[in-house]
Amino acid sequence: MKENNKILQLIYVAWRERWSDSQWGINIKKLVLNYLKHSLCAHLVSHAVVLRCIARYDKLERIYCITSLLEFLVHTYIHMYVHISNRFNFRRGKWM
């Protein structure tokens, strides 16, 4: 329900401020990527599926989209590395 409220709030702000097409694109992109980060952290979707979908993206002429996806991948990689590092006991060489 929280995500629906965020979307409605975004629409109200956009209407009041009379956003241009580029403002819509920027803010919707942020909302979608935040929702995707939340879904990964809550284990609603797996990292492998997200990485596969990003790998299929073929619109390389969209520089800002590619930049956002790369930033998202860096965040995801750091999160996965920390998660795996916390589960692996490096002193004993065993999974906990």
PDB file of N, CA and C in Angstrom:
ATOM      1  N   MET A   1       0.823  -1.198   0.000  1.00  0.00           N
ATOM      2  CA  MET A   1       0.000   0.000   0.000  1.00  0.00           C
ATOM      3  C   MET A   1       0.860   1.253   0.000  1.00  0.00           C
ATOM      4  N   LYS A   2       2.047   1.182   0.617  1.00  0.00           N
ATOM      5  CA  LYS A   2       2.913   2.351   0.656  1.00  0.00           C
ATOM      6  C   LYS A   2       3.332   2.784  -0.742  1.00  0.00           C
ATOM      7  N   GLU A   3       3.624   1.802  -1.599  1.00  0.00           N
ATOM      8  CA  GLU A   3       4.067   2.137  -2.958  1.00  0.00           C
ATOM      9  C   GLU A   3       2.953   2.843  -3.732  1.00  0.00           C
ATOM     10  N   ASN A   4       1.715   2.428  -3.533  1.00  0.00           N
ATOM     11  CA  ASN A   4       0.601   3.105  -4.196  1.00  0.00           C
ATOM     12  C   ASN A   4       0.511   4.557  -3.747  1.00  0.00           C
ATOM     13  N   ASN A   5       0.732   4.794  -2.452  1.00  0.00           N
ATOM     14  CA  ASN A   5       0.709   6.157  -1.937  1.00  0.00           C
ATOM     15  C   ASN A   5       1.827   6.993  -2.540  1.00  0.00           C
ATOM     16  N   LYS A   6       3.005   6.406  -2.708  1.00  0.00           N
ATOM     17  CA  LYS A   6       4.122   7.136  -3.316  1.00  0.00           C
ATOM     18  C   LYS A   6       3.806   7.511  -4.755  1.00  0.00           C
ATOM     19  N   ILE A   7       3.186   6.593  -5.472  1.00  0.00           N
ATOM     20  CA  ILE A   7       2.836   6.872  -6.866  1.00  0.00           C
ATOM     21  C   ILE A   7       1.805   7.984  -6.940  1.00  0.00           C
ATOM     22  N   LEU A   8       0.773   7.902  -6.106  1.00  0.00           N
ATOM     23  CA  LEU A   8      -0.241   8.962  -6.095  1.00  0.00           C
ATOM     24  C   LEU A   8       0.356  10.307  -5.706  1.00  0.00           C
ATOM     25  N   GLN A   9       1.226  10.309  -4.717  1.00  0.00           N
ATOM     26  CA  GLN A   9       1.874  11.544  -4.292  1.00  0.00           C
ATOM     27  C   GLN A   9       2.723  12.120  -5.428  1.00  0.00           C
ATOM     28  N   LEU A  10       3.429  11.260  -6.138  1.00  0.00           N
ATOM     29  CA  LEU A  10       4.233  11.698  -7.266  1.00  0.00           C
ATOM     30  C   LEU A  10       3.363  12.321  -8.356  1.00  0.00           C
ATOM     31  N   ILE A  11       2.215  11.720  -8.622  1.00  0.00           N
ATOM     32  CA  ILE A  11       1.297  12.258  -9.635  1.00  0.00           C
ATOM     33  C   ILE A  11       0.763  13.616  -9.210  1.00  0.00           C
ATOM     34  N   TYR A  12       0.407  13.767  -7.941  1.00  0.00           N
ATOM     35  CA  TYR A  12      -0.090  15.057  -7.452  1.00  0.00           C
ATOM     36  C   TYR A  12       0.970  16.144  -7.563  1.00  0.00           C
ATOM     37  N   VAL A  13       2.196  15.827  -7.175  1.00  0.00           N
ATOM     38  CA  VAL A  13       3.284  16.806  -7.261  1.00  0.00           C
ATOM     39  C   VAL A  13       3.539  17.183  -8.717  1.00  0.00           C
ATOM     40  N   ALA A  14       3.553  16.178  -9.578  1.00  0.00           N
ATOM     41  CA  ALA A  14       3.784  16.435 -10.999  1.00  0.00           C
ATOM     42  C   ALA A  14       2.690  17.330 -11.585  1.00  0.00           C
ATOM     43  N   TRP A  15       1.474  17.094 -11.199  1.00  0.00           N
ATOM     44  CA  TRP A  15       0.373  17.903 -11.707  1.00  0.00           C
ATOM     45  C   TRP A  15       0.473  19.341 -11.201  1.00  0.00           C
ATOM     46  N   ARG A  16       0.762  19.502  -9.911  1.00  0.00           N
ATOM     47  CA  ARG A  16       0.873  20.853  -9.338  1.00  0.00           C
ATOM     48  C   ARG A  16       2.020  21.636  -9.956  1.00  0.00           C
ATOM     49  N   GLU A  17       3.152  20.961 -10.186  1.00  0.00           N
ATOM     50  CA  GLU A  17       4.349  21.640 -10.687  1.00  0.00           C
ATOM     51  C   GLU A  17       4.422  21.658 -12.213  1.00  0.00           C
ATOM     52  N   ARG A  18       3.471  21.027 -12.874  1.00  0.00           N
ATOM     53  CA  ARG A  18       3.426  20.984 -14.347  1.00  0.00           C
ATOM     54  C   ARG A  18       4.754  20.475 -14.935  1.00  0.00           C
ATOM     55  N   TRP A  19       5.082  19.224 -14.548  1.00  0.00           N
ATOM     56  CA  TRP A  19       6.344  18.640 -14.974  1.00  0.00           C
ATOM     57  C   TRP A  19       6.430  18.482 -16.485  1.00  0.00           C
ATOM     58  N   SER A  20       7.641  18.630 -16.994  1.00  0.00           N
ATOM     59  CA  SER A  20       7.899  18.344 -18.406  1.00  0.00           C
ATOM     60  C   SER A  20       8.082  16.834 -18.574  1.00  0.00           C
ATOM     61  N   ASP A  21       8.198  16.409 -19.825  1.00  0.00           N
ATOM     62  CA  ASP A  21       8.410  14.974 -20.091  1.00  0.00           C
ATOM     63  C   ASP A  21       9.702  14.470 -19.470  1.00  0.00           C
ATOM     64  N   SER A  22      10.755  15.280 -19.531  1.00  0.00           N
ATOM     65  CA  SER A  22      12.034  14.836 -18.969  1.00  0.00           C
ATOM     66  C   SER A  22      11.964  14.727 -17.440  1.00  0.00           C
ATOM     67  N   GLN A  23      11.239  15.639 -16.784  1.00  0.00           N
ATOM     68  CA  GLN A  23      11.069  15.530 -15.330  1.00  0.00           C
ATOM     69  C   GLN A  23      10.307  14.267 -14.965  1.00  0.00           C
ATOM     70  N   TRP A  24       9.288  13.938 -15.744  1.00  0.00           N
ATOM     71  CA  TRP A  24       8.536  12.693 -15.516  1.00  0.00           C
ATOM     72  C   TRP A  24       9.467  11.494 -15.599  1.00  0.00           C
ATOM     73  N   GLY A  25      10.271  11.472 -16.665  1.00  0.00           N
ATOM     74  CA  GLY A  25      11.182  10.343 -16.872  1.00  0.00           C
ATOM     75  C   GLY A  25      12.155  10.161 -15.722  1.00  0.00           C
ATOM     76  N   ILE A  26      12.732  11.256 -15.260  1.00  0.00           N
ATOM     77  CA  ILE A  26      13.712  11.193 -14.170  1.00  0.00           C
ATOM     78  C   ILE A  26      13.067  10.675 -12.896  1.00  0.00           C
ATOM     79  N   ASN A  27      11.922  11.226 -12.538  1.00  0.00           N
ATOM     80  CA  ASN A  27      11.289  10.859 -11.268  1.00  0.00           C
ATOM     81  C   ASN A  27      10.677   9.462 -11.282  1.00  0.00           C
ATOM     82  N   ILE A  28      10.123   9.067 -12.396  1.00  0.00           N
ATOM     83  CA  ILE A  28       9.575   7.703 -12.499  1.00  0.00           C
ATOM     84  C   ILE A  28      10.712   6.691 -12.441  1.00  0.00           C
ATOM     85  N   LYS A  29      11.827   6.999 -13.112  1.00  0.00           N
ATOM     86  CA  LYS A  29      12.988   6.104 -13.084  1.00  0.00           C
ATOM     87  C   LYS A  29      13.478   5.908 -11.648  1.00  0.00           C
ATOM     88  N   LYS A  30      13.568   6.995 -10.891  1.00  0.00           N
ATOM     89  CA  LYS A  30      14.000   6.903  -9.492  1.00  0.00           C
ATOM     90  C   LYS A  30      13.044   6.030  -8.687  1.00  0.00           C
ATOM     91  N   LEU A  31      11.749   6.219  -8.898  1.00  0.00           N
ATOM     92  CA  LEU A  31      10.748   5.451  -8.160  1.00  0.00           C
ATOM     93  C   LEU A  31      10.847   3.964  -8.480  1.00  0.00           C
ATOM     94  N   VAL A  32      11.006   3.648  -9.758  1.00  0.00           N
ATOM     95  CA  VAL A  32      11.092   2.241 -10.174  1.00  0.00           C
ATOM     96  C   VAL A  32      12.358   1.589  -9.615  1.00  0.00           C
ATOM     97  N   LEU A  33      13.489   2.283  -9.693  1.00  0.00           N
ATOM     98  CA  LEU A  33      14.731   1.705  -9.175  1.00  0.00           C
ATOM     99  C   LEU A  33      14.683   1.544  -7.659  1.00  0.00           C
ATOM    100  N   ASN A  34      14.064   2.482  -6.954  1.00  0.00           N
ATOM    101  CA  ASN A  34      13.911   2.333  -5.501  1.00  0.00           C
ATOM    102  C   ASN A  34      13.013   1.144  -5.163  1.00  0.00           C
ATOM    103  N   TYR A  35      11.953   0.962  -5.940  1.00  0.00           N
ATOM    104  CA  TYR A  35      11.069  -0.180  -5.711  1.00  0.00           C
ATOM    105  C   TYR A  35      11.810  -1.492  -5.984  1.00  0.00           C
ATOM    106  N   LEU A  36      12.643  -1.490  -7.008  1.00  0.00           N
ATOM    107  CA  LEU A  36      13.424  -2.687  -7.330  1.00  0.00           C
ATOM    108  C   LEU A  36      14.435  -2.992  -6.225  1.00  0.00           C
ATOM    109  N   LYS A  37      15.096  -1.954  -5.690  1.00  0.00           N
ATOM    110  CA  LYS A  37      16.023  -2.155  -4.568  1.00  0.00           C
ATOM    111  C   LYS A  37      15.280  -2.732  -3.362  1.00  0.00           C
ATOM    112  N   HIS A  38      14.111  -2.186  -3.089  1.00  0.00           N
ATOM    113  CA  HIS A  38      13.308  -2.693  -1.977  1.00  0.00           C
ATOM    114  C   HIS A  38      12.936  -4.156  -2.208  1.00  0.00           C
ATOM    115  N   SER A  39      12.545  -4.494  -3.424  1.00  0.00           N
ATOM    116  CA  SER A  39      12.161  -5.871  -3.741  1.00  0.00           C
ATOM    117  C   SER A  39      13.335  -6.834  -3.561  1.00  0.00           C
ATOM    118  N   LEU A  40      14.530  -6.393  -3.924  1.00  0.00           N
ATOM    119  CA  LEU A  40      15.713  -7.232  -3.733  1.00  0.00           C
ATOM    120  C   LEU A  40      16.018  -7.421  -2.249  1.00  0.00           C
ATOM    121  N   CYS A  41      15.963  -6.333  -1.499  1.00  0.00           N
ATOM    122  CA  CYS A  41      16.272  -6.425  -0.063  1.00  0.00           C
ATOM    123  C   CYS A  41      15.244  -7.273   0.679  1.00  0.00           C
ATOM    124  N   ALA A  42      14.001  -7.228   0.227  1.00  0.00           N
ATOM    125  CA  ALA A  42      12.939  -8.004   0.873  1.00  0.00           C
ATOM    126  C   ALA A  42      12.852  -9.423   0.317  1.00  0.00           C
ATOM    127  N   HIS A  43      13.741  -9.770  -0.611  1.00  0.00           N
ATOM    128  CA  HIS A  43      13.786 -11.094  -1.236  1.00  0.00           C
ATOM    129  C   HIS A  43      12.488 -11.428  -1.979  1.00  0.00           C
ATOM    130  N   LEU A  44      11.847 -10.402  -2.531  1.00  0.00           N
ATOM    131  CA  LEU A  44      10.662 -10.639  -3.351  1.00  0.00           C
ATOM    132  C   LEU A  44      11.046 -11.085  -4.751  1.00  0.00           C
ATOM    133  N   VAL A  45      12.238 -10.703  -5.158  1.00  0.00           N
ATOM    134  CA  VAL A  45      12.767 -11.081  -6.462  1.00  0.00           C
ATOM    135  C   VAL A  45      14.254 -11.398  -6.266  1.00  0.00           C
ATOM    136  N   SER A  46      14.765 -12.334  -7.043  1.00  0.00           N
ATOM    137  CA  SER A  46      16.156 -12.749  -6.847  1.00  0.00           C
ATOM    138  C   SER A  46      17.113 -11.836  -7.607  1.00  0.00           C
ATOM    139  N   HIS A  47      18.352 -11.805  -7.117  1.00  0.00           N
ATOM    140  CA  HIS A  47      19.376 -11.011  -7.777  1.00  0.00           C
ATOM    141  C   HIS A  47      19.649 -11.537  -9.188  1.00  0.00           C
ATOM    142  N   ALA A  48      19.604 -12.832  -9.353  1.00  0.00           N
ATOM    143  CA  ALA A  48      19.883 -13.436 -10.657  1.00  0.00           C
ATOM    144  C   ALA A  48      18.880 -12.981 -11.711  1.00  0.00           C
ATOM    145  N   VAL A  49      17.622 -12.920 -11.344  1.00  0.00           N
ATOM    146  CA  VAL A  49      16.589 -12.492 -12.292  1.00  0.00           C
ATOM    147  C   VAL A  49      16.800 -11.036 -12.695  1.00  0.00           C
ATOM    148  N   VAL A  50      17.108 -10.205 -11.721  1.00  0.00           N
ATOM    149  CA  VAL A  50      17.340  -8.788 -12.013  1.00  0.00           C
ATOM    150  C   VAL A  50      18.552  -8.631 -12.929  1.00  0.00           C
ATOM    151  N   LEU A  51      19.625  -9.339 -12.630  1.00  0.00           N
ATOM    152  CA  LEU A  51      20.824  -9.246 -13.462  1.00  0.00           C
ATOM    153  C   LEU A  51      20.559  -9.737 -14.884  1.00  0.00           C
ATOM    154  N   ARG A  52      19.779 -10.802 -15.026  1.00  0.00           N
ATOM    155  CA  ARG A  52      19.429 -11.289 -16.361  1.00  0.00           C
ATOM    156  C   ARG A  52      18.637 -10.249 -17.145  1.00  0.00           C
ATOM    157  N   CYS A  53      17.675  -9.617 -16.490  1.00  0.00           N
ATOM    158  CA  CYS A  53      16.855  -8.596 -17.156  1.00  0.00           C
ATOM    159  C   CYS A  53      17.685  -7.390 -17.565  1.00  0.00           C
ATOM    160  N   ILE A  54      18.599  -6.970 -16.693  1.00  0.00           N
ATOM    161  CA  ILE A  54      19.460  -5.838 -17.034  1.00  0.00           C
ATOM    162  C   ILE A  54      20.385  -6.205 -18.195  1.00  0.00           C
ATOM    163  N   ALA A  55      20.866  -7.423 -18.214  1.00  0.00           N
ATOM    164  CA  ALA A  55      21.755  -7.867 -19.293  1.00  0.00           C
ATOM    165  C   ALA A  55      21.045  -7.876 -20.637  1.00  0.00           C
ATOM    166  N   ARG A  56      19.753  -8.057 -20.650  1.00  0.00           N
ATOM    167  CA  ARG A  56      18.979  -8.076 -21.897  1.00  0.00           C
ATOM    168  C   ARG A  56      18.697  -6.680 -22.450  1.00  0.00           C
ATOM    169  N   TYR A  57      18.891  -5.650 -21.622  1.00  0.00           N
ATOM    170  CA  TYR A  57      18.593  -4.279 -22.051  1.00  0.00           C
ATOM    171  C   TYR A  57      19.515  -3.909 -23.205  1.00  0.00           C
ATOM    172  N   ASP A  58      18.937  -3.517 -24.333  1.00  0.00           N
ATOM    173  CA  ASP A  58      19.747  -3.295 -25.537  1.00  0.00           C
ATOM    174  C   ASP A  58      19.659  -1.874 -26.104  1.00  0.00           C
ATOM    175  N   LYS A  59      19.079  -0.959 -25.389  1.00  0.00           N
ATOM    176  CA  LYS A  59      18.958   0.412 -25.885  1.00  0.00           C
ATOM    177  C   LYS A  59      20.162   1.230 -25.412  1.00  0.00           C
ATOM    178  N   LEU A  60      21.315   0.952 -26.017  1.00  0.00           N
ATOM    179  CA  LEU A  60      22.564   1.559 -25.588  1.00  0.00           C
ATOM    180  C   LEU A  60      22.647   3.045 -25.904  1.00  0.00           C
ATOM    181  N   GLU A  61      21.782   3.539 -26.765  1.00  0.00           N
ATOM    182  CA  GLU A  61      21.804   4.964 -27.099  1.00  0.00           C
ATOM    183  C   GLU A  61      21.204   5.828 -25.979  1.00  0.00           C
ATOM    184  N   ARG A  62      20.521   5.219 -25.038  1.00  0.00           N
ATOM    185  CA  ARG A  62      19.936   5.950 -23.904  1.00  0.00           C
ATOM    186  C   ARG A  62      20.957   6.025 -22.772  1.00  0.00           C
ATOM    187  N   ILE A  63      21.787   7.041 -22.845  1.00  0.00           N
ATOM    188  CA  ILE A  63      22.932   7.160 -21.945  1.00  0.00           C
ATOM    189  C   ILE A  63      22.506   7.234 -20.484  1.00  0.00           C
ATOM    190  N   TYR A  64      21.473   8.008 -20.190  1.00  0.00           N
ATOM    191  CA  TYR A  64      21.066   8.171 -18.798  1.00  0.00           C
ATOM    192  C   TYR A  64      20.479   6.886 -18.231  1.00  0.00           C
ATOM    193  N   CYS A  65      19.789   6.129 -19.043  1.00  0.00           N
ATOM    194  CA  CYS A  65      19.259   4.839 -18.590  1.00  0.00           C
ATOM    195  C   CYS A  65      20.402   3.864 -18.296  1.00  0.00           C
ATOM    196  N   ILE A  66      21.367   3.826 -19.196  1.00  0.00           N
ATOM    197  CA  ILE A  66      22.520   2.939 -18.994  1.00  0.00           C
ATOM    198  C   ILE A  66      23.280   3.338 -17.736  1.00  0.00           C
ATOM    199  N   THR A  67      23.470   4.649 -17.534  1.00  0.00           N
ATOM    200  CA  THR A  67      24.168   5.131 -16.342  1.00  0.00           C
ATOM    201  C   THR A  67      23.428   4.715 -15.077  1.00  0.00           C
ATOM    202  N   SER A  68      22.120   4.867 -15.070  1.00  0.00           N
ATOM    203  CA  SER A  68      21.325   4.483 -13.898  1.00  0.00           C
ATOM    204  C   SER A  68      21.400   2.984 -13.649  1.00  0.00           C
ATOM    205  N   LEU A  69      21.353   2.197 -14.709  1.00  0.00           N
ATOM    206  CA  LEU A  69      21.452   0.746 -14.546  1.00  0.00           C
ATOM    207  C   LEU A  69      22.825   0.344 -14.012  1.00  0.00           C
ATOM    208  N   LEU A  70      23.884   1.010 -14.476  1.00  0.00           N
ATOM    209  CA  LEU A  70      25.220   0.703 -13.967  1.00  0.00           C
ATOM    210  C   LEU A  70      25.353   1.083 -12.497  1.00  0.00           C
ATOM    211  N   GLU A  71      24.788   2.229 -12.106  1.00  0.00           N
ATOM    212  CA  GLU A  71      24.805   2.617 -10.697  1.00  0.00           C
ATOM    213  C   GLU A  71      24.020   1.607  -9.857  1.00  0.00           C
ATOM    214  N   PHE A  72      22.908   1.151 -10.399  1.00  0.00           N
ATOM    215  CA  PHE A  72      22.109   0.141  -9.705  1.00  0.00           C
ATOM    216  C   PHE A  72      22.902  -1.156  -9.551  1.00  0.00           C
ATOM    217  N   LEU A  73      23.625  -1.551 -10.605  1.00  0.00           N
ATOM    218  CA  LEU A  73      24.438  -2.767 -10.539  1.00  0.00           C
ATOM    219  C   LEU A  73      25.538  -2.643  -9.489  1.00  0.00           C
ATOM    220  N   VAL A  74      26.164  -1.484  -9.394  1.00  0.00           N
ATOM    221  CA  VAL A  74      27.200  -1.277  -8.385  1.00  0.00           C
ATOM    222  C   VAL A  74      26.598  -1.432  -6.989  1.00  0.00           C
ATOM    223  N   HIS A  75      25.442  -0.824  -6.766  1.00  0.00           N
ATOM    224  CA  HIS A  75      24.776  -0.945  -5.465  1.00  0.00           C
ATOM    225  C   HIS A  75      24.428  -2.401  -5.177  1.00  0.00           C
ATOM    226  N   THR A  76      23.913  -3.095  -6.172  1.00  0.00           N
ATOM    227  CA  THR A  76      23.519  -4.493  -6.008  1.00  0.00           C
ATOM    228  C   THR A  76      24.741  -5.365  -5.734  1.00  0.00           C
ATOM    229  N   TYR A  77      25.827  -5.127  -6.451  1.00  0.00           N
ATOM    230  CA  TYR A  77      27.039  -5.909  -6.263  1.00  0.00           C
ATOM    231  C   TYR A  77      27.581  -5.725  -4.848  1.00  0.00           C
ATOM    232  N   ILE A  78      27.624  -4.482  -4.372  1.00  0.00           N
ATOM    233  CA  ILE A  78      28.117  -4.218  -3.017  1.00  0.00           C
ATOM    234  C   ILE A  78      27.236  -4.924  -1.992  1.00  0.00           C
ATOM    235  N   HIS A  79      25.915  -4.856  -2.174  1.00  0.00           N
ATOM    236  CA  HIS A  79      24.985  -5.504  -1.248  1.00  0.00           C
ATOM    237  C   HIS A  79      25.194  -7.019  -1.244  1.00  0.00           C
ATOM    238  N   MET A  80      25.330  -7.615  -2.425  1.00  0.00           N
ATOM    239  CA  MET A  80      25.534  -9.063  -2.505  1.00  0.00           C
ATOM    240  C   MET A  80      26.871  -9.456  -1.874  1.00  0.00           C
ATOM    241  N   TYR A  81      27.916  -8.671  -2.106  1.00  0.00           N
ATOM    242  CA  TYR A  81      29.232  -8.974  -1.562  1.00  0.00           C
ATOM    243  C   TYR A  81      29.206  -8.942  -0.034  1.00  0.00           C
ATOM    244  N   VAL A  82      28.588  -7.914   0.542  1.00  0.00           N
ATOM    245  CA  VAL A  82      28.500  -7.810   1.995  1.00  0.00           C
ATOM    246  C   VAL A  82      27.690  -8.965   2.554  1.00  0.00           C
ATOM    247  N   HIS A  83      26.581  -9.310   1.891  1.00  0.00           N
ATOM    248  CA  HIS A  83      25.733 -10.403   2.359  1.00  0.00           C
ATOM    249  C   HIS A  83      26.492 -11.727   2.340  1.00  0.00           C
ATOM    250  N   ILE A  84      27.213 -11.991   1.273  1.00  0.00           N
ATOM    251  CA  ILE A  84      27.970 -13.243   1.164  1.00  0.00           C
ATOM    252  C   ILE A  84      29.123 -13.250   2.159  1.00  0.00           C
ATOM    253  N   SER A  85      29.794 -12.107   2.310  1.00  0.00           N
ATOM    254  CA  SER A  85      30.921 -12.014   3.244  1.00  0.00           C
ATOM    255  C   SER A  85      30.473 -12.264   4.673  1.00  0.00           C
ATOM    256  N   ASN A  86      29.308 -11.806   5.022  1.00  0.00           N
ATOM    257  CA  ASN A  86      28.799 -12.009   6.378  1.00  0.00           C
ATOM    258  C   ASN A  86      28.451 -13.472   6.646  1.00  0.00           C
ATOM    259  N   ARG A  87      28.111 -14.204   5.605  1.00  0.00           N
ATOM    260  CA  ARG A  87      27.730 -15.600   5.788  1.00  0.00           C
ATOM    261  C   ARG A  87      28.927 -16.543   5.715  1.00  0.00           C
ATOM    262  N   PHE A  88      30.048 -16.082   5.201  1.00  0.00           N
ATOM    263  CA  PHE A  88      31.222 -16.934   5.038  1.00  0.00           C
ATOM    264  C   PHE A  88      32.246 -16.603   6.121  1.00  0.00           C
ATOM    265  N   ASN A  89      32.665 -17.605   6.863  1.00  0.00           N
ATOM    266  CA  ASN A  89      33.667 -17.417   7.898  1.00  0.00           C
ATOM    267  C   ASN A  89      35.041 -17.589   7.251  1.00  0.00           C
ATOM    268  N   PHE A  90      35.729 -16.457   7.019  1.00  0.00           N
ATOM    269  CA  PHE A  90      36.999 -16.512   6.307  1.00  0.00           C
ATOM    270  C   PHE A  90      38.106 -17.191   7.120  1.00  0.00           C
ATOM    271  N   ARG A  91      38.021 -17.133   8.418  1.00  0.00           N
ATOM    272  CA  ARG A  91      39.055 -17.766   9.238  1.00  0.00           C
ATOM    273  C   ARG A  91      38.993 -19.283   9.137  1.00  0.00           C
ATOM    274  N   ARG A  92      37.787 -19.806   9.126  1.00  0.00           N
ATOM    275  CA  ARG A  92      37.618 -21.270   9.054  1.00  0.00           C
ATOM    276  C   ARG A  92      37.416 -21.775   7.631  1.00  0.00           C
ATOM    277  N   GLY A  93      37.102 -20.831   6.717  1.00  0.00           N
ATOM    278  CA  GLY A  93      36.863 -21.232   5.332  1.00  0.00           C
ATOM    279  C   GLY A  93      35.566 -21.998   5.159  1.00  0.00           C
ATOM    280  N   LYS A  94      34.590 -21.712   6.027  1.00  0.00           N
ATOM    281  CA  LYS A  94      33.317 -22.436   5.968  1.00  0.00           C
ATOM    282  C   LYS A  94      32.148 -21.450   5.969  1.00  0.00           C
ATOM    283  N   TRP A  95      31.041 -21.925   5.414  1.00  0.00           N
ATOM    284  CA  TRP A  95      29.805 -21.160   5.463  1.00  0.00           C
ATOM    285  C   TRP A  95      29.194 -21.271   6.835  1.00  0.00           C
ATOM    286  N   MET A  96      28.620 -20.201   7.302  1.00  0.00           N
ATOM    287  CA  MET A  96      27.985 -20.208   8.622  1.00  0.00           C
ATOM    288  C   MET A  96      26.529 -20.531   8.510  1.00  0.00           C
TER     289      MET A  96
END
